[in-house]
């Protein structure tokens, strides 16, 4: 079984490639959040954001959901745009890194 940090990195690679392909801004990612007691946080800064999620001792599906929702929130997506982005992002984490991201690693 993969380490949680490797699994996190691969999910981020897949999501970043898809986020770029959709024309949205790829936020930074880190784990764990600096805020104590939260599962996910978003820190906004000029020109972007950082999504932080707890990976340790959580179901992998919950981590994936936090990454997907973090991208949606960081880009301020709503309505059908958000729904379409979520569908594409979930497909990306289900399939793994996009070929360009996998080759760059």
PDB file of N, CA and C in Angstrom:
ATOM      1  N   UNK A   1       0.837  -1.178   0.000  1.00  0.00           N
ATOM      2  CA  UNK A   1       0.000   0.000   0.000  1.00  0.00           C
ATOM      3  C   UNK A   1       0.884   1.243   0.000  1.00  0.00           C
ATOM      4  N   UNK A   2       0.449   2.283  -0.733  1.00  0.00           N
ATOM      5  CA  UNK A   2       1.195   3.525  -0.816  1.00  0.00           C
ATOM      6  C   UNK A   2       1.144   4.277   0.506  1.00  0.00           C
ATOM      7  N   UNK A   3       2.185   5.054   0.759  1.00  0.00           N
ATOM      8  CA  UNK A   3       2.152   5.918   1.934  1.00  0.00           C
ATOM      9  C   UNK A   3       1.103   6.997   1.706  1.00  0.00           C
ATOM     10  N   UNK A   4       0.602   7.554   2.791  1.00  0.00           N
ATOM     11  CA  UNK A   4      -0.431   8.580   2.656  1.00  0.00           C
ATOM     12  C   UNK A   4       0.109   9.831   1.961  1.00  0.00           C
ATOM     13  N   UNK A   5       1.379  10.162   2.182  1.00  0.00           N
ATOM     14  CA  UNK A   5       1.930  11.349   1.527  1.00  0.00           C
ATOM     15  C   UNK A   5       2.093  11.139   0.025  1.00  0.00           C
ATOM     16  N   UNK A   6       2.471   9.935  -0.397  1.00  0.00           N
ATOM     17  CA  UNK A   6       2.575   9.645  -1.825  1.00  0.00           C
ATOM     18  C   UNK A   6       1.194   9.644  -2.470  1.00  0.00           C
ATOM     19  N   UNK A   7       0.245   9.062  -1.788  1.00  0.00           N
ATOM     20  CA  UNK A   7      -1.132   9.038  -2.281  1.00  0.00           C
ATOM     21  C   UNK A   7      -1.668  10.467  -2.427  1.00  0.00           C
ATOM     22  N   UNK A   8      -1.391  11.310  -1.439  1.00  0.00           N
ATOM     23  CA  UNK A   8      -1.793  12.710  -1.472  1.00  0.00           C
ATOM     24  C   UNK A   8      -1.154  13.411  -2.672  1.00  0.00           C
ATOM     25  N   UNK A   9       0.136  13.217  -2.863  1.00  0.00           N
ATOM     26  CA  UNK A   9       0.851  13.859  -3.973  1.00  0.00           C
ATOM     27  C   UNK A   9       0.297  13.430  -5.324  1.00  0.00           C
ATOM     28  N   UNK A  10      -0.004  12.161  -5.475  1.00  0.00           N
ATOM     29  CA  UNK A  10      -0.553  11.679  -6.745  1.00  0.00           C
ATOM     30  C   UNK A  10      -1.948  12.229  -7.010  1.00  0.00           C
ATOM     31  N   UNK A  11      -2.751  12.324  -5.976  1.00  0.00           N
ATOM     32  CA  UNK A  11      -4.089  12.909  -6.136  1.00  0.00           C
ATOM     33  C   UNK A  11      -3.976  14.378  -6.535  1.00  0.00           C
ATOM     34  N   UNK A  12      -3.065  15.098  -5.889  1.00  0.00           N
ATOM     35  CA  UNK A  12      -2.857  16.514  -6.207  1.00  0.00           C
ATOM     36  C   UNK A  12      -2.389  16.668  -7.648  1.00  0.00           C
ATOM     37  N   UNK A  13      -1.497  15.803  -8.112  1.00  0.00           N
ATOM     38  CA  UNK A  13      -1.037  15.861  -9.511  1.00  0.00           C
ATOM     39  C   UNK A  13      -2.205  15.696 -10.474  1.00  0.00           C
ATOM     40  N   UNK A  14      -3.031  14.703 -10.223  1.00  0.00           N
ATOM     41  CA  UNK A  14      -4.171  14.440 -11.101  1.00  0.00           C
ATOM     42  C   UNK A  14      -5.131  15.622 -11.102  1.00  0.00           C
ATOM     43  N   UNK A  15      -5.411  16.148  -9.918  1.00  0.00           N
ATOM     44  CA  UNK A  15      -6.343  17.269  -9.812  1.00  0.00           C
ATOM     45  C   UNK A  15      -5.774  18.541 -10.435  1.00  0.00           C
ATOM     46  N   UNK A  16      -4.487  18.778 -10.267  1.00  0.00           N
ATOM     47  CA  UNK A  16      -3.862  19.973 -10.841  1.00  0.00           C
ATOM     48  C   UNK A  16      -3.937  19.945 -12.364  1.00  0.00           C
ATOM     49  N   UNK A  17      -3.653  18.795 -12.959  1.00  0.00           N
ATOM     50  CA  UNK A  17      -3.729  18.684 -14.414  1.00  0.00           C
ATOM     51  C   UNK A  17      -5.130  18.945 -14.936  1.00  0.00           C
ATOM     52  N   UNK A  18      -6.109  18.393 -14.258  1.00  0.00           N
ATOM     53  CA  UNK A  18      -7.490  18.590 -14.683  1.00  0.00           C
ATOM     54  C   UNK A  18      -7.941  20.028 -14.440  1.00  0.00           C
ATOM     55  N   UNK A  19      -7.541  20.602 -13.324  1.00  0.00           N
ATOM     56  CA  UNK A  19      -7.903  21.992 -13.022  1.00  0.00           C
ATOM     57  C   UNK A  19      -7.355  22.920 -14.101  1.00  0.00           C
ATOM     58  N   UNK A  20      -6.106  22.712 -14.488  1.00  0.00           N
ATOM     59  CA  UNK A  20      -5.500  23.519 -15.566  1.00  0.00           C
ATOM     60  C   UNK A  20      -6.249  23.317 -16.871  1.00  0.00           C
ATOM     61  N   UNK A  21      -6.554  22.066 -17.190  1.00  0.00           N
ATOM     62  CA  UNK A  21      -7.261  21.752 -18.437  1.00  0.00           C
ATOM     63  C   UNK A  21      -8.632  22.415 -18.485  1.00  0.00           C
ATOM     64  N   UNK A  22      -9.255  22.580 -17.342  1.00  0.00           N
ATOM     65  CA  UNK A  22     -10.563  23.234 -17.271  1.00  0.00           C
ATOM     66  C   UNK A  22     -10.454  24.759 -17.342  1.00  0.00           C
ATOM     67  N   UNK A  23      -9.224  25.272 -17.247  1.00  0.00           N
ATOM     68  CA  UNK A  23      -9.007  26.707 -17.333  1.00  0.00           C
ATOM     69  C   UNK A  23      -9.089  27.436 -16.003  1.00  0.00           C
ATOM     70  N   UNK A  24      -9.015  26.698 -14.906  1.00  0.00           N
ATOM     71  CA  UNK A  24      -9.093  27.303 -13.583  1.00  0.00           C
ATOM     72  C   UNK A  24      -7.703  27.386 -12.955  1.00  0.00           C
ATOM     73  N   UNK A  25      -7.609  28.140 -11.880  1.00  0.00           N
ATOM     74  CA  UNK A  25      -6.356  28.309 -11.162  1.00  0.00           C
ATOM     75  C   UNK A  25      -6.124  27.128 -10.221  1.00  0.00           C
ATOM     76  N   UNK A  26      -4.935  26.587 -10.272  1.00  0.00           N
ATOM     77  CA  UNK A  26      -4.574  25.487  -9.381  1.00  0.00           C
ATOM     78  C   UNK A  26      -4.091  26.084  -8.063  1.00  0.00           C
ATOM     79  N   UNK A  27      -4.786  25.771  -6.966  1.00  0.00           N
ATOM     80  CA  UNK A  27      -4.311  26.269  -5.676  1.00  0.00           C
ATOM     81  C   UNK A  27      -3.096  25.478  -5.220  1.00  0.00           C
ATOM     82  N   UNK A  28      -2.412  25.988  -4.226  1.00  0.00           N
ATOM     83  CA  UNK A  28      -1.374  25.210  -3.576  1.00  0.00           C
ATOM     84  C   UNK A  28      -2.046  24.209  -2.647  1.00  0.00           C
ATOM     85  N   UNK A  29      -1.340  23.152  -2.304  1.00  0.00           N
ATOM     86  CA  UNK A  29      -1.889  22.136  -1.409  1.00  0.00           C
ATOM     87  C   UNK A  29      -0.872  21.825  -0.328  1.00  0.00           C
ATOM     88  N   UNK A  30      -1.390  21.538   0.866  1.00  0.00           N
ATOM     89  CA  UNK A  30      -0.507  21.128   1.961  1.00  0.00           C
ATOM     90  C   UNK A  30      -1.303  20.280   2.938  1.00  0.00           C
ATOM     91  N   UNK A  31      -0.576  19.582   3.767  1.00  0.00           N
ATOM     92  CA  UNK A  31      -1.183  18.793   4.827  1.00  0.00           C
ATOM     93  C   UNK A  31      -0.202  18.760   5.991  1.00  0.00           C
ATOM     94  N   UNK A  32      -0.703  18.931   7.167  1.00  0.00           N
ATOM     95  CA  UNK A  32      -2.073  19.229   7.599  1.00  0.00           C
ATOM     96  C   UNK A  32      -2.321  20.731   7.613  1.00  0.00           C
ATOM     97  N   UNK A  33      -3.584  21.135   7.863  1.00  0.00           N
ATOM     98  CA  UNK A  33      -3.869  22.562   8.002  1.00  0.00           C
ATOM     99  C   UNK A  33      -3.166  23.138   9.238  1.00  0.00           C
ATOM    100  N   UNK A  34      -2.879  24.406   9.200  1.00  0.00           N
ATOM    101  CA  UNK A  34      -2.266  25.062  10.360  1.00  0.00           C
ATOM    102  C   UNK A  34      -3.271  25.273  11.483  1.00  0.00           C
ATOM    103  N   UNK A  35      -4.544  25.382  11.137  1.00  0.00           N
ATOM    104  CA  UNK A  35      -5.586  25.566  12.141  1.00  0.00           C
ATOM    105  C   UNK A  35      -5.856  24.241  12.845  1.00  0.00           C
ATOM    106  N   UNK A  36      -5.842  24.271  14.139  1.00  0.00           N
ATOM    107  CA  UNK A  36      -6.090  23.069  14.932  1.00  0.00           C
ATOM    108  C   UNK A  36      -7.588  22.780  14.952  1.00  0.00           C
ATOM    109  N   UNK A  37      -7.941  21.506  14.761  1.00  0.00           N
ATOM    110  CA  UNK A  37      -9.324  21.093  14.882  1.00  0.00           C
ATOM    111  C   UNK A  37     -10.155  21.174  13.612  1.00  0.00           C
ATOM    112  N   UNK A  38      -9.541  21.503  12.471  1.00  0.00           N
ATOM    113  CA  UNK A  38     -10.289  21.540  11.218  1.00  0.00           C
ATOM    114  C   UNK A  38      -9.770  20.445  10.282  1.00  0.00           C
ATOM    115  N   UNK A  39     -10.641  19.952   9.427  1.00  0.00           N
ATOM    116  CA  UNK A  39     -10.270  18.922   8.462  1.00  0.00           C
ATOM    117  C   UNK A  39      -9.725  19.531   7.170  1.00  0.00           C
ATOM    118  N   UNK A  40     -10.241  20.725   6.834  1.00  0.00           N
ATOM    119  CA  UNK A  40      -9.793  21.414   5.608  1.00  0.00           C
ATOM    120  C   UNK A  40      -9.837  22.910   5.862  1.00  0.00           C
ATOM    121  N   UNK A  41      -8.866  23.612   5.322  1.00  0.00           N
ATOM    122  CA  UNK A  41      -8.885  25.073   5.383  1.00  0.00           C
ATOM    123  C   UNK A  41      -8.396  25.629   4.051  1.00  0.00           C
ATOM    124  N   UNK A  42      -8.780  26.866   3.801  1.00  0.00           N
ATOM    125  CA  UNK A  42      -8.330  27.563   2.597  1.00  0.00           C
ATOM    126  C   UNK A  42      -7.737  28.886   3.040  1.00  0.00           C
ATOM    127  N   UNK A  43      -6.543  29.111   2.626  1.00  0.00           N
ATOM    128  CA  UNK A  43      -5.872  30.385   2.916  1.00  0.00           C
ATOM    129  C   UNK A  43      -5.737  31.118   1.584  1.00  0.00           C
ATOM    130  N   UNK A  44      -6.360  32.278   1.504  1.00  0.00           N
ATOM    131  CA  UNK A  44      -6.327  33.050   0.253  1.00  0.00           C
ATOM    132  C   UNK A  44      -5.201  34.072   0.326  1.00  0.00           C
ATOM    133  N   UNK A  45      -4.572  34.294  -0.804  1.00  0.00           N
ATOM    134  CA  UNK A  45      -3.527  35.290  -0.935  1.00  0.00           C
ATOM    135  C   UNK A  45      -3.643  35.897  -2.317  1.00  0.00           C
ATOM    136  N   UNK A  46      -3.072  37.074  -2.563  1.00  0.00           N
ATOM    137  CA  UNK A  46      -3.218  37.709  -3.879  1.00  0.00           C
ATOM    138  C   UNK A  46      -2.790  36.762  -5.006  1.00  0.00           C
ATOM    139  N   UNK A  47      -3.705  36.501  -5.905  1.00  0.00           N
ATOM    140  CA  UNK A  47      -3.398  35.651  -7.043  1.00  0.00           C
ATOM    141  C   UNK A  47      -3.611  34.168  -6.829  1.00  0.00           C
ATOM    142  N   UNK A  48      -4.106  33.758  -5.670  1.00  0.00           N
ATOM    143  CA  UNK A  48      -4.309  32.330  -5.476  1.00  0.00           C
ATOM    144  C   UNK A  48      -4.773  31.961  -4.088  1.00  0.00           C
ATOM    145  N   UNK A  49      -4.577  30.692  -3.786  1.00  0.00           N
ATOM    146  CA  UNK A  49      -5.006  30.162  -2.492  1.00  0.00           C
ATOM    147  C   UNK A  49      -4.217  28.897  -2.196  1.00  0.00           C
ATOM    148  N   UNK A  50      -4.234  28.502  -0.935  1.00  0.00           N
ATOM    149  CA  UNK A  50      -3.651  27.235  -0.518  1.00  0.00           C
ATOM    150  C   UNK A  50      -4.740  26.436   0.188  1.00  0.00           C
ATOM    151  N   UNK A  51      -4.944  25.223  -0.272  1.00  0.00           N
ATOM    152  CA  UNK A  51      -5.912  24.307   0.331  1.00  0.00           C
ATOM    153  C   UNK A  51      -5.124  23.345   1.216  1.00  0.00           C
ATOM    154  N   UNK A  52      -5.509  23.268   2.476  1.00  0.00           N
ATOM    155  CA  UNK A  52      -4.847  22.371   3.427  1.00  0.00           C
ATOM    156  C   UNK A  52      -5.856  21.345   3.910  1.00  0.00           C
ATOM    157  N   UNK A  53      -5.450  20.089   3.917  1.00  0.00           N
ATOM    158  CA  UNK A  53      -6.350  19.027   4.380  1.00  0.00           C
ATOM    159  C   UNK A  53      -5.618  18.070   5.314  1.00  0.00           C
ATOM    160  N   UNK A  54      -6.375  17.503   6.233  1.00  0.00           N
ATOM    161  CA  UNK A  54      -5.859  16.453   7.102  1.00  0.00           C
ATOM    162  C   UNK A  54      -5.921  15.149   6.313  1.00  0.00           C
ATOM    163  N   UNK A  55      -4.819  14.423   6.267  1.00  0.00           N
ATOM    164  CA  UNK A  55      -4.760  13.137   5.575  1.00  0.00           C
ATOM    165  C   UNK A  55      -4.749  11.995   6.585  1.00  0.00           C
ATOM    166  N   UNK A  56      -3.966  12.153   7.627  1.00  0.00           N
ATOM    167  CA  UNK A  56      -3.751  11.084   8.600  1.00  0.00           C
ATOM    168  C   UNK A  56      -5.040  10.701   9.339  1.00  0.00           C
ATOM    169  N   UNK A  57      -5.257   9.398   9.466  1.00  0.00           N
ATOM    170  CA  UNK A  57      -6.379   8.844  10.225  1.00  0.00           C
ATOM    171  C   UNK A  57      -7.742   9.268   9.693  1.00  0.00           C
ATOM    172  N   UNK A  58      -7.840   9.423   8.370  1.00  0.00           N
ATOM    173  CA  UNK A  58      -9.124   9.759   7.744  1.00  0.00           C
ATOM    174  C   UNK A  58      -9.372   8.823   6.575  1.00  0.00           C
ATOM    175  N   UNK A  59     -10.634   8.554   6.258  1.00  0.00           N
ATOM    176  CA  UNK A  59     -10.920   7.764   5.058  1.00  0.00           C
ATOM    177  C   UNK A  59     -10.400   8.495   3.817  1.00  0.00           C
ATOM    178  N   UNK A  60      -9.830   7.735   2.884  1.00  0.00           N
ATOM    179  CA  UNK A  60      -9.249   8.347   1.690  1.00  0.00           C
ATOM    180  C   UNK A  60     -10.298   9.127   0.894  1.00  0.00           C
ATOM    181  N   UNK A  61     -11.519   8.630   0.838  1.00  0.00           N
ATOM    182  CA  UNK A  61     -12.581   9.333   0.114  1.00  0.00           C
ATOM    183  C   UNK A  61     -12.843  10.717   0.719  1.00  0.00           C
ATOM    184  N   UNK A  62     -12.715  10.860   2.019  1.00  0.00           N
ATOM    185  CA  UNK A  62     -12.903  12.159   2.670  1.00  0.00           C
ATOM    186  C   UNK A  62     -11.789  13.128   2.272  1.00  0.00           C
ATOM    187  N   UNK A  63     -10.579  12.619   2.168  1.00  0.00           N
ATOM    188  CA  UNK A  63      -9.449  13.458   1.739  1.00  0.00           C
ATOM    189  C   UNK A  63      -9.678  13.916   0.302  1.00  0.00           C
ATOM    190  N   UNK A  64     -10.062  12.991  -0.572  1.00  0.00           N
ATOM    191  CA  UNK A  64     -10.334  13.343  -1.961  1.00  0.00           C
ATOM    192  C   UNK A  64     -11.441  14.387  -2.054  1.00  0.00           C
ATOM    193  N   UNK A  65     -12.492  14.212  -1.285  1.00  0.00           N
ATOM    194  CA  UNK A  65     -13.602  15.168  -1.301  1.00  0.00           C
ATOM    195  C   UNK A  65     -13.124  16.555  -0.878  1.00  0.00           C
ATOM    196  N   UNK A  66     -12.277  16.614   0.141  1.00  0.00           N
ATOM    197  CA  UNK A  66     -11.756  17.900   0.591  1.00  0.00           C
ATOM    198  C   UNK A  66     -10.881  18.557  -0.477  1.00  0.00           C
ATOM    199  N   UNK A  67     -10.100  17.770  -1.195  1.00  0.00           N
ATOM    200  CA  UNK A  67      -9.272  18.326  -2.267  1.00  0.00           C
ATOM    201  C   UNK A  67     -10.143  18.887  -3.390  1.00  0.00           C
ATOM    202  N   UNK A  68     -11.145  18.112  -3.800  1.00  0.00           N
ATOM    203  CA  UNK A  68     -12.055  18.555  -4.866  1.00  0.00           C
ATOM    204  C   UNK A  68     -12.789  19.818  -4.436  1.00  0.00           C
ATOM    205  N   UNK A  69     -13.381  19.801  -3.256  1.00  0.00           N
ATOM    206  CA  UNK A  69     -14.126  20.968  -2.781  1.00  0.00           C
ATOM    207  C   UNK A  69     -13.211  22.168  -2.551  1.00  0.00           C
ATOM    208  N   UNK A  70     -11.971  21.913  -2.171  1.00  0.00           N
ATOM    209  CA  UNK A  70     -11.017  23.002  -2.013  1.00  0.00           C
ATOM    210  C   UNK A  70     -10.752  23.718  -3.329  1.00  0.00           C
ATOM    211  N   UNK A  71     -10.632  22.965  -4.400  1.00  0.00           N
ATOM    212  CA  UNK A  71     -10.419  23.567  -5.725  1.00  0.00           C
ATOM    213  C   UNK A  71     -11.634  24.377  -6.139  1.00  0.00           C
ATOM    214  N   UNK A  72     -12.812  23.813  -5.933  1.00  0.00           N
ATOM    215  CA  UNK A  72     -14.047  24.519  -6.282  1.00  0.00           C
ATOM    216  C   UNK A  72     -14.143  25.825  -5.494  1.00  0.00           C
ATOM    217  N   UNK A  73     -13.898  25.761  -4.201  1.00  0.00           N
ATOM    218  CA  UNK A  73     -13.987  26.949  -3.352  1.00  0.00           C
ATOM    219  C   UNK A  73     -12.899  27.969  -3.694  1.00  0.00           C
ATOM    220  N   UNK A  74     -11.681  27.507  -3.920  1.00  0.00           N
ATOM    221  CA  UNK A  74     -10.573  28.416  -4.220  1.00  0.00           C
ATOM    222  C   UNK A  74     -10.810  29.193  -5.509  1.00  0.00           C
ATOM    223  N   UNK A  75     -11.540  28.577  -6.441  1.00  0.00           N
ATOM    224  CA  UNK A  75     -11.835  29.236  -7.707  1.00  0.00           C
ATOM    225  C   UNK A  75     -13.171  29.970  -7.689  1.00  0.00           C
ATOM    226  N   UNK A  76     -13.891  29.920  -6.564  1.00  0.00           N
ATOM    227  CA  UNK A  76     -15.160  30.626  -6.454  1.00  0.00           C
ATOM    228  C   UNK A  76     -16.225  30.110  -7.391  1.00  0.00           C
ATOM    229  N   UNK A  77     -16.197  28.807  -7.668  1.00  0.00           N
ATOM    230  CA  UNK A  77     -17.147  28.231  -8.620  1.00  0.00           C
ATOM    231  C   UNK A  77     -18.505  28.000  -7.972  1.00  0.00           C
ATOM    232  N   UNK A  78     -19.555  28.252  -8.731  1.00  0.00           N
ATOM    233  CA  UNK A  78     -20.918  28.039  -8.256  1.00  0.00           C
ATOM    234  C   UNK A  78     -21.771  27.453  -9.377  1.00  0.00           C
ATOM    235  N   UNK A  79     -22.940  26.976  -8.995  1.00  0.00           N
ATOM    236  CA  UNK A  79     -23.924  26.507  -9.968  1.00  0.00           C
ATOM    237  C   UNK A  79     -23.425  25.395 -10.867  1.00  0.00           C
ATOM    238  N   UNK A  80     -23.823  25.474 -12.129  1.00  0.00           N
ATOM    239  CA  UNK A  80     -23.479  24.408 -13.076  1.00  0.00           C
ATOM    240  C   UNK A  80     -21.978  24.355 -13.361  1.00  0.00           C
ATOM    241  N   UNK A  81     -21.300  25.497 -13.265  1.00  0.00           N
ATOM    242  CA  UNK A  81     -19.839  25.503 -13.457  1.00  0.00           C
ATOM    243  C   UNK A  81     -19.172  24.671 -12.374  1.00  0.00           C
ATOM    244  N   UNK A  82     -19.625  24.840 -11.134  1.00  0.00           N
ATOM    245  CA  UNK A  82     -19.076  24.058 -10.020  1.00  0.00           C
ATOM    246  C   UNK A  82     -19.404  22.582 -10.187  1.00  0.00           C
ATOM    247  N   UNK A  83     -20.629  22.272 -10.584  1.00  0.00           N
ATOM    248  CA  UNK A  83     -21.035  20.874 -10.760  1.00  0.00           C
ATOM    249  C   UNK A  83     -20.216  20.202 -11.857  1.00  0.00           C
ATOM    250  N   UNK A  84     -20.010  20.889 -12.968  1.00  0.00           N
ATOM    251  CA  UNK A  84     -19.206  20.334 -14.061  1.00  0.00           C
ATOM    252  C   UNK A  84     -17.759  20.128 -13.629  1.00  0.00           C
ATOM    253  N   UNK A  85     -17.218  21.103 -12.893  1.00  0.00           N
ATOM    254  CA  UNK A  85     -15.840  20.988 -12.407  1.00  0.00           C
ATOM    255  C   UNK A  85     -15.714  19.816 -11.441  1.00  0.00           C
ATOM    256  N   UNK A  86     -16.670  19.679 -10.516  1.00  0.00           N
ATOM    257  CA  UNK A  86     -16.632  18.557  -9.571  1.00  0.00           C
ATOM    258  C   UNK A  86     -16.617  17.223 -10.304  1.00  0.00           C
ATOM    259  N   UNK A  87     -17.466  17.093 -11.316  1.00  0.00           N
ATOM    260  CA  UNK A  87     -17.541  15.833 -12.065  1.00  0.00           C
ATOM    261  C   UNK A  87     -16.190  15.516 -12.712  1.00  0.00           C
ATOM    262  N   UNK A  88     -15.578  16.505 -13.321  1.00  0.00           N
ATOM    263  CA  UNK A  88     -14.280  16.299 -13.979  1.00  0.00           C
ATOM    264  C   UNK A  88     -13.190  16.002 -12.952  1.00  0.00           C
ATOM    265  N   UNK A  89     -13.223  16.690 -11.828  1.00  0.00           N
ATOM    266  CA  UNK A  89     -12.205  16.480 -10.790  1.00  0.00           C
ATOM    267  C   UNK A  89     -12.342  15.106 -10.148  1.00  0.00           C
ATOM    268  N   UNK A  90     -13.570  14.667  -9.900  1.00  0.00           N
ATOM    269  CA  UNK A  90     -13.764  13.319  -9.342  1.00  0.00           C
ATOM    270  C   UNK A  90     -13.283  12.260 -10.324  1.00  0.00           C
ATOM    271  N   UNK A  91     -13.522  12.478 -11.595  1.00  0.00           N
ATOM    272  CA  UNK A  91     -13.025  11.539 -12.601  1.00  0.00           C
ATOM    273  C   UNK A  91     -11.498  11.503 -12.569  1.00  0.00           C
ATOM    274  N   UNK A  92     -10.878  12.654 -12.383  1.00  0.00           N
ATOM    275  CA  UNK A  92      -9.414  12.726 -12.336  1.00  0.00           C
ATOM    276  C   UNK A  92      -8.854  11.941 -11.157  1.00  0.00           C
ATOM    277  N   UNK A  93      -9.448  12.065  -9.971  1.00  0.00           N
ATOM    278  CA  UNK A  93      -8.912  11.320  -8.831  1.00  0.00           C
ATOM    279  C   UNK A  93      -9.225   9.837  -8.940  1.00  0.00           C
ATOM    280  N   UNK A  94     -10.275   9.496  -9.641  1.00  0.00           N
ATOM    281  CA  UNK A  94     -10.599   8.079  -9.839  1.00  0.00           C
ATOM    282  C   UNK A  94      -9.607   7.420 -10.794  1.00  0.00           C
ATOM    283  N   UNK A  95      -9.149   8.186 -11.788  1.00  0.00           N
ATOM    284  CA  UNK A  95      -8.248   7.641 -12.806  1.00  0.00           C
ATOM    285  C   UNK A  95      -6.777   7.800 -12.465  1.00  0.00           C
ATOM    286  N   UNK A  96      -6.439   8.741 -11.601  1.00  0.00           N
ATOM    287  CA  UNK A  96      -5.039   8.974 -11.259  1.00  0.00           C
ATOM    288  C   UNK A  96      -4.461  10.135 -12.026  1.00  0.00           C
ATOM    289  N   UNK A  97      -3.137  10.342 -11.911  1.00  0.00           N
ATOM    290  CA  UNK A  97      -2.495  11.496 -12.560  1.00  0.00           C
ATOM    291  C   UNK A  97      -2.693  11.496 -14.064  1.00  0.00           C
ATOM    292  N   UNK A  98      -2.880  12.689 -14.627  1.00  0.00           N
ATOM    293  CA  UNK A  98      -2.948  12.801 -16.070  1.00  0.00           C
ATOM    294  C   UNK A  98      -1.561  12.508 -16.626  1.00  0.00           C
ATOM    295  N   UNK A  99      -1.454  12.014 -17.865  1.00  0.00           N
ATOM    296  CA  UNK A  99      -0.144  11.625 -18.402  1.00  0.00           C
ATOM    297  C   UNK A  99       0.936  12.693 -18.288  1.00  0.00           C
ATOM    298  N   UNK A 100       0.609  13.968 -18.560  1.00  0.00           N
ATOM    299  CA  UNK A 100       1.615  15.024 -18.476  1.00  0.00           C
ATOM    300  C   UNK A 100       2.149  15.157 -17.059  1.00  0.00           C
ATOM    301  N   UNK A 101       1.277  15.075 -16.079  1.00  0.00           N
ATOM    302  CA  UNK A 101       1.704  15.199 -14.685  1.00  0.00           C
ATOM    303  C   UNK A 101       2.542  14.001 -14.261  1.00  0.00           C
ATOM    304  N   UNK A 102       2.187  12.831 -14.717  1.00  0.00           N
ATOM    305  CA  UNK A 102       2.920  11.626 -14.348  1.00  0.00           C
ATOM    306  C   UNK A 102       4.324  11.639 -14.954  1.00  0.00           C
ATOM    307  N   UNK A 103       4.452  12.149 -16.182  1.00  0.00           N
ATOM    308  CA  UNK A 103       5.754  12.190 -16.823  1.00  0.00           C
ATOM    309  C   UNK A 103       6.661  13.229 -16.186  1.00  0.00           C
ATOM    310  N   UNK A 104       6.090  14.327 -15.689  1.00  0.00           N
ATOM    311  CA  UNK A 104       6.887  15.388 -15.085  1.00  0.00           C
ATOM    312  C   UNK A 104       7.428  14.986 -13.710  1.00  0.00           C
ATOM    313  N   UNK A 105       6.798  14.007 -13.082  1.00  0.00           N
ATOM    314  CA  UNK A 105       7.199  13.614 -11.725  1.00  0.00           C
ATOM    315  C   UNK A 105       8.487  12.844 -11.694  1.00  0.00           C
TER     316      UNK A 105
END
